[in-house]
C-alpha atoms as a PDB file:
ATOM      1  CA  MET A   1     143.918-109.277-219.969  1.00  0.00           C
ATOM      2  CA  ASN A   2     144.097-105.957-221.873  1.00  0.00           C
ATOM      3  CA  SER A   3     147.337-104.971-222.525  1.00  0.00           C
ATOM      4  CA  ARG A   4     147.676-101.318-221.530  1.00  0.00           C
ATOM      5  CA  TYR A   5     146.174-100.283-218.067  1.00  0.00           C
ATOM      6  CA  ALA A   6     144.018 -97.270-217.989  1.00  0.00           C
ATOM      7  CA  LEU A   7     141.239 -95.518-215.830  1.00  0.00           C
ATOM      8  CA  ASP A   8     137.596 -97.156-216.297  1.00  0.00           C
ATOM      9  CA  LYS A   9     136.077 -93.522-215.414  1.00  0.00           C
ATOM     10  CA  SER A  10     132.234 -95.298-216.576  1.00  0.00           C
ATOM     11  CA  ASN A  11     132.325 -97.925-213.629  1.00  0.00           C
ATOM     12  CA  ALA A  12     134.222 -95.371-211.356  1.00  0.00           C
ATOM     13  CA  LYS A  13     133.637 -94.679-207.454  1.00  0.00           C
ATOM     14  CA  PHE A  14     136.299 -92.282-206.465  1.00  0.00           C
ATOM     15  CA  LEU A  15     139.040 -92.057-209.380  1.00  0.00           C
ATOM     16  CA  GLY A  16     138.606 -95.032-211.083  1.00  0.00           C
ATOM     17  CA  VAL A  17     141.870 -96.894-210.576  1.00  0.00           C
ATOM     18  CA  CYS A  18     140.195 -99.979-208.678  1.00  0.00           C
ATOM     19  CA  ALA A  19     137.938-100.311-211.828  1.00  0.00           C
ATOM     20  CA  GLY A  20     140.464-100.154-214.248  1.00  0.00           C
ATOM     21  CA  PHE A  21     142.286-102.637-212.662  1.00  0.00           C
ATOM     22  CA  GLY A  22     139.392-105.242-212.392  1.00  0.00           C
ATOM     23  CA  ARG A  23     139.029-104.295-216.412  1.00  0.00           C
ATOM     24  CA  TRP A  24     142.366-105.107-216.988  1.00  0.00           C
ATOM     25  CA  ALA A  25     142.894-107.993-214.811  1.00  0.00           C
ATOM     26  CA  ASP A  26     139.821-109.250-215.375  1.00  0.00           C
ATOM     27  CA  VAL A  27     138.635-109.392-211.804  1.00  0.00           C
ATOM     28  CA  ASP A  28     135.408-108.125-210.374  1.00  0.00           C
ATOM     29  CA  PRO A  29     136.196-104.146-209.424  1.00  0.00           C
ATOM     30  CA  THR A  30     134.521-104.885-206.290  1.00  0.00           C
ATOM     31  CA  LEU A  31     137.110-107.658-205.183  1.00  0.00           C
ATOM     32  CA  VAL A  32     139.709-104.565-206.275  1.00  0.00           C
ATOM     33  CA  ARG A  33     138.033-102.140-204.335  1.00  0.00           C
ATOM     34  CA  VAL A  34     137.557-104.084-200.930  1.00  0.00           C
ATOM     35  CA  THR A  35     141.147-105.198-201.445  1.00  0.00           C
ATOM     36  CA  ALA A  36     142.577-101.298-201.531  1.00  0.00           C
ATOM     37  CA  ILE A  37     140.342-100.814-198.455  1.00  0.00           C
ATOM     38  CA  LEU A  38     142.263-103.434-196.633  1.00  0.00           C
ATOM     39  CA  ALA A  39     145.650-102.247-198.196  1.00  0.00           C
ATOM     40  CA  GLY A  40     144.826 -98.802-197.113  1.00  0.00           C
ATOM     41  CA  LEU A  41     143.782 -99.735-193.283  1.00  0.00           C
ATOM     42  CA  PHE A  42     147.072-101.935-192.946  1.00  0.00           C
ATOM     43  CA  LEU A  43     149.385-100.133-194.730  1.00  0.00           C
ATOM     44  CA  GLY A  44     147.440 -96.280-194.000  1.00  0.00           C
ATOM     45  CA  PRO A  45     149.621 -93.685-195.791  1.00  0.00           C
ATOM     46  CA  ILE A  46     151.751 -95.463-198.267  1.00  0.00           C
ATOM     47  CA  ALA A  47     148.646 -97.496-199.978  1.00  0.00           C
ATOM     48  CA  ILE A  48     147.040 -93.764-200.279  1.00  0.00           C
ATOM     49  CA  VAL A  49     149.931 -92.508-202.204  1.00  0.00           C
ATOM     50  CA  ALA A  50     150.604 -95.233-204.089  1.00  0.00           C
ATOM     51  CA  TYR A  51     146.734 -95.255-205.146  1.00  0.00           C
ATOM     52  CA  LEU A  52     146.753 -91.293-205.846  1.00  0.00           C
ATOM     53  CA  LEU A  53     150.171 -92.061-207.947  1.00  0.00           C
ATOM     54  CA  ILE A  54     148.596 -94.757-209.984  1.00  0.00           C
ATOM     55  CA  ALA A  55     145.492 -92.127-211.007  1.00  0.00           C
ATOM     56  CA  ALA A  56     147.761 -89.466-211.676  1.00  0.00           C
ATOM     57  CA  VAL A  57     149.916 -91.188-214.047  1.00  0.00           C
ATOM     58  CA  ALA A  58     147.497 -93.446-215.667  1.00  0.00           C
ATOM     59  CA  GLN A  59     145.703 -89.934-216.179  1.00  0.00           C
ATOM     60  CA  GLN A  60     148.676 -88.579-217.947  1.00  0.00           C
ATOM     61  CA  GLY A  61     149.107 -91.690-220.477  1.00  0.00           C
END
Protein backbone atom coordinates (compact mmCIF):
# COMPACT_ATOMS: atom_id res chain seq x y z
CA MET A 1 0.00 0.00 0.00
CA ASN A 2 1.32 3.43 -0.92
CA SER A 3 1.71 5.85 1.96
CA ARG A 4 0.05 8.85 0.22
CA TYR A 5 -3.16 9.04 -1.73
CA ALA A 6 -3.03 10.83 -5.08
CA LEU A 7 -5.33 11.08 -8.08
CA ASP A 8 -4.45 8.72 -10.91
CA LYS A 9 -4.98 10.78 -14.07
CA SER A 10 -3.51 8.10 -16.34
CA ASN A 11 -6.27 5.59 -15.47
CA ALA A 12 -8.98 8.17 -14.81
CA LYS A 13 -12.49 7.82 -16.16
CA PHE A 14 -13.74 11.09 -14.67
CA LEU A 15 -11.43 12.79 -12.16
CA GLY A 16 -9.13 9.94 -11.15
CA VAL A 17 -10.49 9.49 -7.63
CA CYS A 18 -11.40 5.81 -7.97
CA ALA A 19 -8.26 4.95 -9.93
CA GLY A 20 -6.14 6.72 -7.32
CA PHE A 21 -7.87 4.91 -4.48
CA GLY A 22 -7.44 1.60 -6.28
CA ARG A 23 -3.73 2.23 -6.74
CA TRP A 24 -3.36 3.42 -3.12
CA ALA A 25 -5.20 0.40 -1.67
CA ASP A 26 -3.82 -2.09 -4.24
CA VAL A 27 -7.34 -2.93 -5.43
CA ASP A 28 -8.72 -3.15 -8.97
CA PRO A 29 -10.00 0.34 -9.91
CA THR A 30 -13.06 -1.22 -11.57
CA LEU A 31 -14.14 -2.62 -8.20
CA VAL A 32 -13.68 0.82 -6.64
CA ARG A 33 -15.71 2.42 -9.47
CA VAL A 34 -18.58 -0.05 -9.04
CA THR A 35 -18.56 0.61 -5.28
CA ALA A 36 -18.63 4.36 -5.91
CA ILE A 37 -21.57 4.01 -8.29
CA LEU A 38 -23.49 1.91 -5.78
CA ALA A 39 -22.73 4.45 -3.05
CA GLY A 40 -24.03 7.17 -5.34
CA LEU A 41 -27.24 5.25 -5.95
CA PHE A 42 -27.88 4.47 -2.28
CA LEU A 43 -26.47 7.59 -0.61
CA GLY A 44 -27.29 10.06 -3.36
CA PRO A 45 -25.93 13.57 -2.96
CA ILE A 46 -23.77 12.65 0.05
CA ALA A 47 -21.63 10.28 -2.02
CA ILE A 48 -21.41 12.71 -4.94
CA VAL A 49 -20.31 15.59 -2.70
CA ALA A 50 -17.79 13.31 -0.95
CA TYR A 51 -16.36 12.24 -4.33
CA LEU A 52 -15.98 15.85 -5.47
CA LEU A 53 -14.43 16.90 -2.15
CA ILE A 54 -11.89 14.08 -2.35
CA ALA A 55 -11.01 15.16 -5.89
CA ALA A 56 -10.59 18.81 -4.83
CA VAL A 57 -8.49 18.01 -1.75
CA ALA A 58 -6.30 15.50 -3.58
CA GLN A 59 -5.67 17.91 -6.42
CA GLN A 60 -4.46 20.57 -3.96
CA GLY A 61 -2.00 18.19 -2.31
